[in-house]
N, C-alpha and C. Protein backbone atom coordinates (compact mmCIF):
# COMPACT_ATOMS: atom_id res chain seq x y z
N CYS A 1 -17.19 -12.64 29.78
CA CYS A 1 -17.70 -13.63 28.83
C CYS A 1 -18.94 -14.29 29.40
N THR A 2 -19.84 -14.63 28.54
CA THR A 2 -21.04 -15.32 28.96
C THR A 2 -20.81 -16.82 28.86
N GLN A 3 -21.77 -17.59 29.28
CA GLN A 3 -21.64 -19.04 29.19
C GLN A 3 -21.57 -19.51 27.75
N GLN A 4 -22.13 -18.73 26.84
CA GLN A 4 -22.09 -19.11 25.43
C GLN A 4 -20.78 -18.70 24.77
N GLY A 5 -19.89 -18.05 25.53
CA GLY A 5 -18.61 -17.64 24.97
C GLY A 5 -18.64 -16.30 24.29
N GLU A 6 -19.71 -15.52 24.51
CA GLU A 6 -19.79 -14.21 23.91
C GLU A 6 -19.17 -13.20 24.85
N THR A 7 -18.67 -12.13 24.29
CA THR A 7 -18.10 -11.07 25.10
C THR A 7 -19.09 -9.94 25.22
N GLY A 8 -18.90 -9.11 26.20
CA GLY A 8 -19.75 -7.95 26.36
C GLY A 8 -19.27 -6.77 25.54
N SER A 9 -18.09 -6.84 24.98
CA SER A 9 -17.58 -5.73 24.17
C SER A 9 -17.80 -6.02 22.70
N GLU A 10 -17.81 -4.95 21.94
CA GLU A 10 -18.00 -5.11 20.51
C GLU A 10 -16.68 -5.39 19.83
N ALA A 11 -16.72 -6.17 18.78
CA ALA A 11 -15.52 -6.48 18.00
C ALA A 11 -15.15 -5.26 17.18
N PRO A 12 -13.88 -5.15 16.75
CA PRO A 12 -13.48 -4.04 15.91
C PRO A 12 -14.31 -4.02 14.63
N ALA A 13 -14.46 -2.84 14.10
CA ALA A 13 -15.27 -2.68 12.89
C ALA A 13 -14.68 -3.50 11.75
N PRO A 14 -15.55 -4.20 11.00
CA PRO A 14 -15.04 -4.97 9.87
C PRO A 14 -14.39 -4.05 8.86
N GLY A 15 -13.37 -4.56 8.21
CA GLY A 15 -12.68 -3.76 7.22
C GLY A 15 -11.55 -2.94 7.80
N ARG A 16 -11.45 -2.86 9.12
CA ARG A 16 -10.37 -2.12 9.74
C ARG A 16 -9.08 -2.89 9.52
N GLU A 17 -8.09 -2.21 9.01
CA GLU A 17 -6.82 -2.87 8.74
C GLU A 17 -6.06 -3.09 10.03
N PRO A 18 -5.34 -4.21 10.14
CA PRO A 18 -4.55 -4.44 11.34
C PRO A 18 -3.43 -3.42 11.45
N GLU A 19 -3.08 -3.05 12.68
CA GLU A 19 -1.98 -2.13 12.88
C GLU A 19 -0.69 -2.87 12.59
N VAL A 20 0.21 -2.18 11.88
CA VAL A 20 1.46 -2.79 11.47
C VAL A 20 2.60 -1.99 12.06
N PRO A 21 3.50 -2.61 12.82
CA PRO A 21 4.63 -1.89 13.40
C PRO A 21 5.53 -1.31 12.32
N ALA A 22 6.25 -0.25 12.66
CA ALA A 22 7.20 0.36 11.73
C ALA A 22 8.23 -0.66 11.29
N GLY A 23 8.58 -0.62 10.02
CA GLY A 23 9.58 -1.52 9.48
C GLY A 23 9.02 -2.80 8.90
N VAL A 24 7.71 -3.00 9.03
CA VAL A 24 7.06 -4.19 8.49
C VAL A 24 6.20 -3.75 7.33
N PRO A 25 6.12 -4.55 6.27
CA PRO A 25 5.32 -4.14 5.13
C PRO A 25 3.89 -3.81 5.54
N GLY A 26 3.36 -2.71 5.04
CA GLY A 26 1.99 -2.29 5.32
C GLY A 26 1.03 -2.81 4.28
N THR A 27 -0.20 -2.41 4.39
CA THR A 27 -1.22 -2.91 3.48
C THR A 27 -0.97 -2.45 2.05
N GLU A 28 -0.22 -1.37 1.87
CA GLU A 28 0.04 -0.92 0.51
C GLU A 28 0.91 -1.91 -0.26
N THR A 29 1.52 -2.86 0.41
CA THR A 29 2.35 -3.85 -0.26
C THR A 29 1.55 -5.07 -0.67
N ALA A 30 0.26 -5.07 -0.41
CA ALA A 30 -0.56 -6.24 -0.74
C ALA A 30 -0.49 -6.56 -2.22
N GLY A 31 -0.37 -5.56 -3.06
CA GLY A 31 -0.29 -5.79 -4.50
C GLY A 31 1.09 -6.20 -4.96
N LYS A 32 2.03 -6.31 -4.05
CA LYS A 32 3.41 -6.64 -4.40
C LYS A 32 3.76 -8.09 -4.09
N GLY A 33 2.75 -8.95 -3.96
CA GLY A 33 3.01 -10.37 -3.77
C GLY A 33 2.86 -10.88 -2.35
N LEU A 34 2.65 -10.00 -1.37
CA LEU A 34 2.46 -10.46 0.00
C LEU A 34 1.03 -10.92 0.18
N LYS A 35 0.88 -12.04 0.89
CA LYS A 35 -0.47 -12.50 1.26
C LYS A 35 -0.88 -11.75 2.51
N VAL A 36 -1.97 -11.02 2.43
CA VAL A 36 -2.47 -10.24 3.55
C VAL A 36 -3.47 -11.09 4.32
N PRO A 37 -3.25 -11.29 5.63
CA PRO A 37 -4.19 -12.10 6.39
C PRO A 37 -5.55 -11.42 6.46
N PRO A 38 -6.62 -12.16 6.23
CA PRO A 38 -7.96 -11.57 6.32
C PRO A 38 -8.37 -11.38 7.77
N ARG A 39 -9.27 -10.44 7.99
CA ARG A 39 -9.86 -10.28 9.33
C ARG A 39 -10.77 -11.48 9.54
N VAL A 40 -10.53 -12.23 10.59
CA VAL A 40 -11.29 -13.46 10.84
C VAL A 40 -12.55 -13.12 11.63
N PRO A 41 -13.74 -13.44 11.08
CA PRO A 41 -14.98 -13.18 11.81
C PRO A 41 -14.99 -13.91 13.15
N GLY A 42 -15.40 -13.22 14.19
CA GLY A 42 -15.48 -13.84 15.51
C GLY A 42 -14.28 -13.55 16.39
N THR A 43 -13.16 -13.19 15.77
CA THR A 43 -12.01 -12.83 16.60
C THR A 43 -12.21 -11.40 17.06
N GLY A 44 -11.57 -11.08 18.12
CA GLY A 44 -11.69 -9.74 18.66
C GLY A 44 -10.33 -9.24 19.10
N HIS A 45 -10.33 -8.58 20.23
CA HIS A 45 -9.12 -7.94 20.72
C HIS A 45 -8.01 -8.94 21.06
N LEU A 46 -8.36 -10.06 21.66
CA LEU A 46 -7.34 -11.03 22.08
C LEU A 46 -6.53 -11.56 20.90
N GLN A 47 -7.19 -11.98 19.82
CA GLN A 47 -6.46 -12.47 18.65
C GLN A 47 -5.64 -11.34 18.04
N HIS A 48 -6.19 -10.12 18.04
CA HIS A 48 -5.47 -8.97 17.50
C HIS A 48 -4.19 -8.72 18.30
N VAL A 49 -4.26 -8.83 19.63
CA VAL A 49 -3.08 -8.65 20.47
C VAL A 49 -2.03 -9.71 20.16
N LEU A 50 -2.46 -10.96 20.04
CA LEU A 50 -1.52 -12.04 19.71
C LEU A 50 -0.87 -11.81 18.35
N ASP A 51 -1.68 -11.47 17.34
CA ASP A 51 -1.14 -11.20 16.01
C ASP A 51 -0.18 -10.02 16.02
N SER A 52 -0.53 -8.97 16.77
CA SER A 52 0.33 -7.79 16.85
C SER A 52 1.67 -8.12 17.48
N GLN A 53 1.67 -8.96 18.51
CA GLN A 53 2.93 -9.36 19.13
C GLN A 53 3.79 -10.14 18.14
N CYS A 54 3.15 -10.97 17.32
CA CYS A 54 3.90 -11.69 16.29
C CYS A 54 4.50 -10.72 15.28
N MET A 55 3.74 -9.68 14.92
CA MET A 55 4.26 -8.68 13.98
C MET A 55 5.50 -7.99 14.55
N VAL A 56 5.49 -7.71 15.85
CA VAL A 56 6.64 -7.08 16.49
C VAL A 56 7.86 -8.00 16.41
N GLU A 57 7.66 -9.28 16.70
CA GLU A 57 8.77 -10.24 16.65
C GLU A 57 9.31 -10.39 15.23
N VAL A 58 8.42 -10.43 14.24
CA VAL A 58 8.86 -10.58 12.85
C VAL A 58 9.55 -9.31 12.37
N ALA A 59 9.12 -8.15 12.86
CA ALA A 59 9.78 -6.90 12.48
C ALA A 59 11.25 -6.92 12.89
N LYS A 60 11.54 -7.51 14.03
CA LYS A 60 12.93 -7.64 14.48
C LYS A 60 13.72 -8.54 13.54
N LEU A 61 13.11 -9.64 13.09
CA LEU A 61 13.78 -10.55 12.16
C LEU A 61 13.96 -9.92 10.79
N CYS A 62 13.01 -9.09 10.40
CA CYS A 62 13.02 -8.46 9.08
C CYS A 62 14.23 -7.55 8.90
N ILE A 63 14.69 -6.95 9.98
CA ILE A 63 15.84 -6.05 9.91
C ILE A 63 17.07 -6.78 9.38
N ALA A 64 17.27 -8.01 9.82
CA ALA A 64 18.44 -8.79 9.43
C ALA A 64 18.21 -9.68 8.23
N ASP A 65 16.96 -10.04 7.96
CA ASP A 65 16.66 -11.00 6.89
C ASP A 65 15.41 -10.55 6.14
N GLU A 66 15.62 -10.00 4.94
CA GLU A 66 14.51 -9.44 4.17
C GLU A 66 13.45 -10.48 3.83
N SER A 67 13.81 -11.76 3.80
CA SER A 67 12.82 -12.80 3.50
C SER A 67 11.79 -12.94 4.62
N LYS A 68 12.08 -12.38 5.79
CA LYS A 68 11.16 -12.43 6.92
C LYS A 68 10.21 -11.23 6.95
N CYS A 69 10.32 -10.33 5.98
CA CYS A 69 9.48 -9.13 5.93
C CYS A 69 8.12 -9.50 5.36
N ASP A 70 7.25 -9.97 6.22
CA ASP A 70 5.93 -10.44 5.82
C ASP A 70 4.99 -10.23 7.00
N TYR A 71 3.71 -10.35 6.75
CA TYR A 71 2.75 -10.34 7.84
C TYR A 71 2.97 -11.58 8.69
N ALA A 72 2.72 -11.44 9.99
CA ALA A 72 2.83 -12.57 10.90
C ALA A 72 1.53 -12.69 11.67
N VAL A 73 1.17 -13.91 11.97
CA VAL A 73 -0.05 -14.18 12.72
C VAL A 73 0.23 -15.23 13.79
N ALA A 74 -0.58 -15.21 14.84
CA ALA A 74 -0.49 -16.22 15.89
C ALA A 74 -1.48 -17.33 15.57
N ARG A 75 -1.02 -18.56 15.66
CA ARG A 75 -1.89 -19.71 15.44
C ARG A 75 -1.60 -20.74 16.52
N ARG A 76 -2.64 -21.42 16.98
CA ARG A 76 -2.49 -22.46 17.99
C ARG A 76 -2.47 -23.81 17.29
N VAL A 77 -1.47 -24.60 17.63
CA VAL A 77 -1.37 -25.98 17.15
C VAL A 77 -1.29 -26.84 18.40
N GLY A 78 -2.31 -27.64 18.65
CA GLY A 78 -2.39 -28.39 19.90
C GLY A 78 -2.61 -27.42 21.04
N SER A 79 -1.74 -27.44 22.03
CA SER A 79 -1.87 -26.51 23.15
C SER A 79 -0.84 -25.39 23.07
N ARG A 80 -0.09 -25.33 21.99
CA ARG A 80 1.00 -24.36 21.86
C ARG A 80 0.65 -23.26 20.86
N TRP A 81 0.93 -22.01 21.23
CA TRP A 81 0.77 -20.86 20.35
C TRP A 81 2.12 -20.50 19.77
N ASP A 82 2.17 -20.23 18.48
CA ASP A 82 3.40 -19.79 17.82
C ASP A 82 3.07 -18.71 16.81
N CYS A 83 4.09 -18.00 16.40
CA CYS A 83 3.97 -16.99 15.35
C CYS A 83 4.40 -17.62 14.03
N TYR A 84 3.66 -17.29 12.99
CA TYR A 84 3.95 -17.81 11.65
C TYR A 84 3.91 -16.67 10.64
N LEU A 85 4.80 -16.73 9.68
CA LEU A 85 4.70 -15.82 8.54
C LEU A 85 3.46 -16.24 7.77
N TYR A 86 2.57 -15.29 7.52
CA TYR A 86 1.31 -15.65 6.88
C TYR A 86 1.53 -16.22 5.48
N GLY A 87 2.54 -15.74 4.78
CA GLY A 87 2.84 -16.23 3.44
C GLY A 87 3.26 -17.69 3.42
N ALA A 88 3.69 -18.22 4.56
CA ALA A 88 4.13 -19.61 4.64
C ALA A 88 3.01 -20.56 5.06
N LEU A 89 1.84 -20.01 5.38
CA LEU A 89 0.72 -20.84 5.81
C LEU A 89 -0.13 -21.26 4.62
N ASP A 90 -0.79 -22.38 4.78
CA ASP A 90 -1.73 -22.86 3.76
C ASP A 90 -3.09 -22.24 4.08
N ASP A 91 -3.41 -21.13 3.40
CA ASP A 91 -4.66 -20.45 3.70
C ASP A 91 -5.85 -21.01 2.93
N SER A 92 -5.62 -22.12 2.21
CA SER A 92 -6.75 -22.77 1.53
C SER A 92 -7.49 -23.70 2.50
N HIS A 93 -6.93 -23.90 3.68
CA HIS A 93 -7.56 -24.72 4.72
C HIS A 93 -7.74 -23.90 5.98
N SER A 94 -8.71 -24.26 6.77
CA SER A 94 -8.97 -23.59 8.04
C SER A 94 -8.98 -24.62 9.15
N THR A 95 -8.66 -24.16 10.34
CA THR A 95 -8.67 -25.02 11.51
C THR A 95 -8.96 -24.17 12.74
N ASP A 96 -9.25 -24.79 13.86
CA ASP A 96 -9.51 -24.07 15.10
C ASP A 96 -8.19 -23.59 15.70
N ALA A 97 -7.57 -22.62 15.05
CA ALA A 97 -6.25 -22.16 15.47
C ALA A 97 -6.25 -20.72 15.97
N CYS A 98 -7.41 -20.06 15.99
CA CYS A 98 -7.52 -18.69 16.48
C CYS A 98 -8.38 -18.69 17.74
N THR A 99 -8.54 -17.51 18.34
CA THR A 99 -9.30 -17.42 19.58
C THR A 99 -10.25 -16.24 19.55
N ASP A 100 -11.36 -16.39 20.27
CA ASP A 100 -12.23 -15.24 20.48
C ASP A 100 -11.78 -14.56 21.77
N ASP A 101 -12.47 -13.51 22.16
CA ASP A 101 -12.05 -12.76 23.35
C ASP A 101 -12.27 -13.51 24.66
N CYS A 102 -12.96 -14.63 24.61
CA CYS A 102 -13.16 -15.46 25.81
C CYS A 102 -12.14 -16.60 25.89
N GLY A 103 -11.27 -16.71 24.90
CA GLY A 103 -10.28 -17.77 24.89
C GLY A 103 -10.76 -19.05 24.23
N ASN A 104 -11.93 -19.01 23.62
CA ASN A 104 -12.45 -20.18 22.91
C ASN A 104 -11.83 -20.28 21.53
N ALA A 105 -11.52 -21.50 21.12
CA ALA A 105 -10.95 -21.72 19.79
C ALA A 105 -12.00 -21.43 18.73
N ILE A 106 -11.58 -20.73 17.68
CA ILE A 106 -12.46 -20.49 16.54
C ILE A 106 -11.69 -20.80 15.27
N THR A 107 -12.43 -21.11 14.23
CA THR A 107 -11.84 -21.48 12.96
C THR A 107 -11.30 -20.26 12.24
N CYS A 108 -10.10 -20.39 11.71
CA CYS A 108 -9.51 -19.31 10.91
C CYS A 108 -8.62 -19.92 9.83
N PRO A 109 -8.39 -19.19 8.75
CA PRO A 109 -7.56 -19.70 7.67
C PRO A 109 -6.08 -19.64 8.04
N GLY A 110 -5.32 -20.47 7.40
CA GLY A 110 -3.88 -20.45 7.61
C GLY A 110 -3.42 -21.59 8.48
N VAL A 111 -3.21 -22.74 7.87
CA VAL A 111 -2.77 -23.93 8.61
C VAL A 111 -1.25 -24.06 8.47
N PRO A 112 -0.56 -24.14 9.62
CA PRO A 112 0.91 -24.31 9.55
C PRO A 112 1.31 -25.64 8.96
């Protein structure tokens, strides 16, 4: 990372769909009422890793409780990171709850 918080690596190509673990609704379910989290500009690999780990945890919950079968994202509230079902977040507001690849807070939709 540079002093300005930029990384030396390129961010994933825009429009690339997030990887979804087996057993979790995929992007084809977007038309079935699930809110699909948008790709947040400025996030890179680190936020993707955090979101992917949340998807893995939610996939485990989905097996026992169908109401948990939703996209999951990682959001920081204060100094704590947690996983949230994206459908339960208020995506009409944004806050500094995501991270860039340098660990800097960046604004993203979905307020817990």
